[in-house]
């Protein structure tokens, strides 16, 4: 994380995005909201719901760009914000759960 020093570090949060249009599922909503989104939005197939878990910048409120992944006892996933250029990382256990 040496890119830009301590002041440029962010603690990424993980959020769900629609793979079709990049709409972000509000954190306190249910999967019923996702179903409604896929039923009402053009070019969305309600029979084929596609979501993706991504890093999110708490500073800029936007999707982070994957920078690199380091493999080890725990996988370290590094992200960079395209807006503020903040960098951060999350750890992932072997089973795939983020911390």
N, C-alpha and C. Protein backbone atom coordinates (compact mmCIF):
# COMPACT_ATOMS: atom_id res chain seq x y z
N UNK A 1 0.81 -1.19 0.00
CA UNK A 1 0.00 0.00 0.00
C UNK A 1 0.85 1.25 0.00
N UNK A 2 2.06 1.20 -0.39
CA UNK A 2 2.93 2.34 -0.35
C UNK A 2 2.63 3.41 -1.37
N UNK A 3 1.59 3.29 -2.16
CA UNK A 3 1.28 4.27 -3.18
C UNK A 3 0.61 5.49 -2.57
N UNK A 4 1.31 6.58 -2.45
CA UNK A 4 0.71 7.81 -1.98
C UNK A 4 0.73 8.01 -0.48
N UNK A 5 1.24 7.08 0.28
CA UNK A 5 1.39 7.24 1.71
C UNK A 5 0.09 7.05 2.47
N UNK A 6 0.19 7.27 3.79
CA UNK A 6 -0.93 7.05 4.71
C UNK A 6 -2.15 7.89 4.36
N UNK A 7 -1.95 9.15 3.96
CA UNK A 7 -3.07 10.05 3.71
C UNK A 7 -3.92 9.60 2.54
N UNK A 8 -3.38 8.80 1.67
CA UNK A 8 -4.12 8.39 0.48
C UNK A 8 -4.69 6.98 0.60
N UNK A 9 -4.72 6.43 1.80
CA UNK A 9 -5.27 5.10 2.00
C UNK A 9 -6.77 5.21 2.30
N UNK A 10 -7.54 4.27 1.77
CA UNK A 10 -8.96 4.19 2.07
C UNK A 10 -9.26 2.77 2.54
N UNK A 11 -10.30 2.62 3.33
CA UNK A 11 -10.74 1.29 3.74
C UNK A 11 -11.91 0.92 2.84
N UNK A 12 -11.66 0.08 1.85
CA UNK A 12 -12.74 -0.27 0.93
C UNK A 12 -13.86 -1.03 1.63
N UNK A 13 -15.06 -0.80 1.19
CA UNK A 13 -16.18 -1.63 1.60
C UNK A 13 -16.55 -2.48 0.39
N UNK A 14 -17.19 -3.58 0.63
CA UNK A 14 -17.61 -4.45 -0.47
C UNK A 14 -19.11 -4.26 -0.67
N UNK A 15 -19.51 -4.04 -1.92
CA UNK A 15 -20.92 -3.83 -2.24
C UNK A 15 -21.31 -4.71 -3.43
N UNK A 16 -22.62 -4.91 -3.58
CA UNK A 16 -23.15 -5.65 -4.72
C UNK A 16 -23.55 -4.68 -5.82
N UNK A 17 -23.09 -4.96 -7.05
CA UNK A 17 -23.46 -4.17 -8.23
C UNK A 17 -24.13 -5.08 -9.25
N UNK A 18 -25.04 -4.49 -10.02
CA UNK A 18 -25.64 -5.18 -11.15
C UNK A 18 -24.58 -5.27 -12.25
N UNK A 19 -24.33 -6.46 -12.76
CA UNK A 19 -23.33 -6.63 -13.82
C UNK A 19 -23.77 -5.99 -15.13
N UNK A 20 -25.06 -5.79 -15.33
CA UNK A 20 -25.57 -5.25 -16.59
C UNK A 20 -25.39 -3.73 -16.65
N UNK A 21 -25.79 -3.01 -15.59
CA UNK A 21 -25.79 -1.54 -15.65
C UNK A 21 -24.97 -0.87 -14.55
N UNK A 22 -24.34 -1.65 -13.66
CA UNK A 22 -23.50 -1.16 -12.55
C UNK A 22 -24.32 -0.45 -11.47
N UNK A 23 -25.63 -0.68 -11.40
CA UNK A 23 -26.47 -0.15 -10.32
C UNK A 23 -26.04 -0.79 -9.02
N UNK A 24 -25.97 0.03 -7.97
CA UNK A 24 -25.54 -0.48 -6.67
C UNK A 24 -26.74 -0.79 -5.80
N UNK A 25 -26.76 -2.01 -5.28
CA UNK A 25 -27.81 -2.40 -4.35
C UNK A 25 -27.60 -1.67 -3.04
N UNK A 26 -28.59 -0.87 -2.58
CA UNK A 26 -28.45 -0.21 -1.27
C UNK A 26 -28.25 -1.26 -0.18
N UNK A 27 -27.35 -0.98 0.74
CA UNK A 27 -26.95 -1.95 1.75
C UNK A 27 -28.05 -2.49 2.62
N UNK A 28 -29.12 -1.73 2.82
CA UNK A 28 -30.17 -2.17 3.73
C UNK A 28 -31.37 -2.77 2.98
N UNK A 29 -31.24 -3.04 1.70
CA UNK A 29 -32.35 -3.55 0.91
C UNK A 29 -32.31 -5.07 0.82
N UNK A 30 -33.43 -5.63 0.42
CA UNK A 30 -33.54 -7.09 0.31
C UNK A 30 -33.36 -7.51 -1.14
N UNK A 31 -33.27 -8.80 -1.33
CA UNK A 31 -33.15 -9.32 -2.69
C UNK A 31 -34.42 -9.06 -3.50
N UNK A 32 -35.52 -8.74 -2.85
CA UNK A 32 -36.74 -8.36 -3.56
C UNK A 32 -36.53 -7.10 -4.38
N UNK A 33 -35.71 -6.20 -3.88
CA UNK A 33 -35.37 -4.98 -4.62
C UNK A 33 -34.58 -5.33 -5.87
N UNK A 34 -33.68 -6.30 -5.76
CA UNK A 34 -32.91 -6.76 -6.91
C UNK A 34 -33.84 -7.37 -7.95
N UNK A 35 -34.77 -8.20 -7.52
CA UNK A 35 -35.72 -8.82 -8.45
C UNK A 35 -36.52 -7.74 -9.18
N UNK A 36 -36.98 -6.72 -8.45
CA UNK A 36 -37.74 -5.63 -9.07
C UNK A 36 -36.87 -4.88 -10.08
N UNK A 37 -35.61 -4.67 -9.75
CA UNK A 37 -34.68 -4.00 -10.67
C UNK A 37 -34.57 -4.78 -11.97
N UNK A 38 -34.39 -6.09 -11.88
CA UNK A 38 -34.23 -6.91 -13.08
C UNK A 38 -35.53 -7.06 -13.88
N UNK A 39 -36.67 -6.90 -13.22
CA UNK A 39 -37.96 -6.97 -13.91
C UNK A 39 -38.29 -5.68 -14.64
N UNK A 40 -37.81 -4.55 -14.15
CA UNK A 40 -38.23 -3.25 -14.71
C UNK A 40 -37.21 -2.60 -15.63
N UNK A 41 -35.94 -2.93 -15.50
CA UNK A 41 -34.91 -2.27 -16.31
C UNK A 41 -34.78 -2.92 -17.69
N UNK A 42 -34.61 -2.08 -18.74
CA UNK A 42 -34.40 -2.66 -20.07
C UNK A 42 -33.08 -3.43 -20.12
N UNK A 43 -33.02 -4.41 -20.98
CA UNK A 43 -31.84 -5.25 -21.20
C UNK A 43 -31.45 -6.10 -19.99
N UNK A 44 -32.37 -6.25 -19.03
CA UNK A 44 -32.16 -7.10 -17.86
C UNK A 44 -33.09 -8.30 -17.97
N UNK A 45 -32.57 -9.48 -17.70
CA UNK A 45 -33.36 -10.70 -17.75
C UNK A 45 -33.69 -11.13 -16.33
N UNK A 46 -34.98 -11.06 -15.92
CA UNK A 46 -35.32 -11.44 -14.54
C UNK A 46 -35.07 -12.92 -14.24
N UNK A 47 -34.87 -13.72 -15.28
CA UNK A 47 -34.56 -15.14 -15.09
C UNK A 47 -33.06 -15.37 -14.93
N UNK A 48 -32.26 -14.34 -15.15
CA UNK A 48 -30.80 -14.48 -15.10
C UNK A 48 -30.19 -13.28 -14.36
N UNK A 49 -30.42 -13.22 -13.05
CA UNK A 49 -29.94 -12.11 -12.22
C UNK A 49 -28.42 -12.21 -12.10
N UNK A 50 -27.74 -11.12 -12.46
CA UNK A 50 -26.27 -11.11 -12.42
C UNK A 50 -25.80 -9.97 -11.52
N UNK A 51 -25.21 -10.36 -10.38
CA UNK A 51 -24.64 -9.40 -9.44
C UNK A 51 -23.16 -9.67 -9.28
N UNK A 52 -22.43 -8.65 -8.88
CA UNK A 52 -20.99 -8.77 -8.68
C UNK A 52 -20.61 -8.04 -7.40
N UNK A 53 -19.76 -8.67 -6.59
CA UNK A 53 -19.24 -8.04 -5.37
C UNK A 53 -17.97 -7.28 -5.74
N UNK A 54 -17.95 -5.96 -5.45
CA UNK A 54 -16.81 -5.12 -5.83
C UNK A 54 -16.38 -4.26 -4.65
N UNK A 55 -15.13 -3.75 -4.72
CA UNK A 55 -14.65 -2.80 -3.74
C UNK A 55 -15.28 -1.44 -4.02
N UNK A 56 -15.59 -0.68 -2.94
CA UNK A 56 -16.26 0.61 -3.06
C UNK A 56 -15.50 1.65 -2.23
N UNK A 57 -15.26 2.81 -2.81
CA UNK A 57 -14.53 3.88 -2.11
C UNK A 57 -15.48 4.65 -1.21
N UNK A 58 -15.24 4.64 0.11
CA UNK A 58 -16.11 5.39 1.02
C UNK A 58 -15.91 6.90 0.90
N UNK A 59 -14.80 7.31 0.36
CA UNK A 59 -14.49 8.73 0.21
C UNK A 59 -15.25 9.34 -0.98
N UNK A 60 -15.27 8.62 -2.11
CA UNK A 60 -15.86 9.15 -3.35
C UNK A 60 -17.20 8.52 -3.71
N UNK A 61 -17.59 7.49 -2.97
CA UNK A 61 -18.84 6.78 -3.23
C UNK A 61 -18.90 6.26 -4.66
N UNK A 62 -17.84 5.54 -5.05
CA UNK A 62 -17.81 4.95 -6.39
C UNK A 62 -17.01 3.66 -6.38
N UNK A 63 -17.15 2.90 -7.46
CA UNK A 63 -16.49 1.61 -7.58
C UNK A 63 -14.97 1.77 -7.68
N UNK A 64 -14.26 0.90 -6.96
CA UNK A 64 -12.81 0.88 -7.02
C UNK A 64 -12.33 0.00 -8.16
N UNK A 65 -11.14 0.27 -8.64
CA UNK A 65 -10.51 -0.52 -9.68
C UNK A 65 -9.59 -1.54 -9.03
N UNK A 66 -9.68 -2.78 -9.49
CA UNK A 66 -8.80 -3.82 -8.98
C UNK A 66 -7.37 -3.50 -9.43
N UNK A 67 -6.46 -3.45 -8.47
CA UNK A 67 -5.06 -3.14 -8.77
C UNK A 67 -4.24 -4.42 -8.91
N UNK A 68 -4.30 -5.27 -7.88
CA UNK A 68 -3.54 -6.52 -7.93
C UNK A 68 -4.03 -7.44 -6.82
N UNK A 69 -3.69 -8.71 -6.95
CA UNK A 69 -4.04 -9.71 -5.96
C UNK A 69 -2.75 -10.41 -5.53
N UNK A 70 -2.54 -10.50 -4.23
CA UNK A 70 -1.38 -11.21 -3.69
C UNK A 70 -1.87 -12.48 -3.02
N UNK A 71 -1.32 -13.60 -3.44
CA UNK A 71 -1.69 -14.89 -2.87
C UNK A 71 -0.77 -15.23 -1.70
N UNK A 72 -1.32 -15.82 -0.69
CA UNK A 72 -0.57 -16.26 0.47
C UNK A 72 -1.50 -17.08 1.35
N UNK A 73 -1.22 -17.11 2.65
CA UNK A 73 -2.15 -17.80 3.55
C UNK A 73 -3.53 -17.17 3.45
N UNK A 74 -3.55 -15.85 3.31
CA UNK A 74 -4.78 -15.11 3.04
C UNK A 74 -4.56 -14.34 1.75
N UNK A 75 -5.54 -14.31 0.90
CA UNK A 75 -5.45 -13.54 -0.34
C UNK A 75 -5.64 -12.06 0.00
N UNK A 76 -4.77 -11.20 -0.51
CA UNK A 76 -4.87 -9.76 -0.32
C UNK A 76 -5.26 -9.13 -1.66
N UNK A 77 -6.42 -8.48 -1.68
CA UNK A 77 -6.92 -7.87 -2.90
C UNK A 77 -6.75 -6.35 -2.77
N UNK A 78 -5.94 -5.78 -3.65
CA UNK A 78 -5.64 -4.35 -3.61
C UNK A 78 -6.51 -3.60 -4.62
N UNK A 79 -7.05 -2.46 -4.19
CA UNK A 79 -7.88 -1.62 -5.03
C UNK A 79 -7.34 -0.20 -5.08
N UNK A 80 -7.70 0.52 -6.15
CA UNK A 80 -7.36 1.94 -6.29
C UNK A 80 -8.62 2.67 -6.75
N UNK A 81 -8.86 3.86 -6.20
CA UNK A 81 -10.00 4.67 -6.62
C UNK A 81 -9.62 5.50 -7.84
N UNK A 82 -10.38 5.42 -8.93
CA UNK A 82 -10.05 6.21 -10.11
C UNK A 82 -10.28 7.70 -9.92
N UNK A 83 -11.04 8.09 -8.88
CA UNK A 83 -11.34 9.51 -8.63
C UNK A 83 -10.30 10.16 -7.71
N UNK A 84 -10.15 9.64 -6.48
CA UNK A 84 -9.26 10.27 -5.50
C UNK A 84 -7.88 9.62 -5.47
N UNK A 85 -7.71 8.52 -6.19
CA UNK A 85 -6.46 7.76 -6.26
C UNK A 85 -6.07 7.14 -4.93
N UNK A 86 -7.03 7.05 -4.01
CA UNK A 86 -6.80 6.36 -2.76
C UNK A 86 -6.62 4.88 -3.02
N UNK A 87 -5.84 4.23 -2.19
CA UNK A 87 -5.63 2.80 -2.34
C UNK A 87 -6.00 2.10 -1.04
N UNK A 88 -6.42 0.87 -1.17
CA UNK A 88 -6.79 0.08 -0.01
C UNK A 88 -6.80 -1.39 -0.38
N UNK A 89 -7.08 -2.21 0.60
CA UNK A 89 -7.08 -3.64 0.36
C UNK A 89 -8.06 -4.33 1.29
N UNK A 90 -8.46 -5.52 0.89
CA UNK A 90 -9.24 -6.41 1.75
C UNK A 90 -8.54 -7.76 1.76
N UNK A 91 -8.72 -8.47 2.86
CA UNK A 91 -8.20 -9.83 2.97
C UNK A 91 -9.34 -10.79 2.64
N UNK A 92 -8.99 -11.90 2.02
CA UNK A 92 -9.99 -12.92 1.73
C UNK A 92 -9.43 -14.26 2.19
N UNK A 93 -10.24 -14.96 2.97
CA UNK A 93 -9.84 -16.29 3.43
C UNK A 93 -9.89 -17.28 2.28
N UNK A 94 -9.31 -18.43 2.49
CA UNK A 94 -9.27 -19.45 1.45
C UNK A 94 -10.67 -19.83 0.98
N UNK A 95 -11.66 -19.74 1.86
CA UNK A 95 -13.04 -20.09 1.51
C UNK A 95 -13.75 -19.01 0.72
N UNK A 96 -13.11 -17.83 0.53
CA UNK A 96 -13.71 -16.78 -0.29
C UNK A 96 -14.42 -15.69 0.49
N UNK A 97 -14.42 -15.72 1.82
CA UNK A 97 -15.10 -14.71 2.61
C UNK A 97 -14.18 -13.53 2.85
N UNK A 98 -14.67 -12.30 2.57
CA UNK A 98 -13.88 -11.09 2.75
C UNK A 98 -13.87 -10.64 4.21
N UNK A 99 -12.78 -9.93 4.57
CA UNK A 99 -12.68 -9.33 5.91
C UNK A 99 -12.37 -7.86 5.77
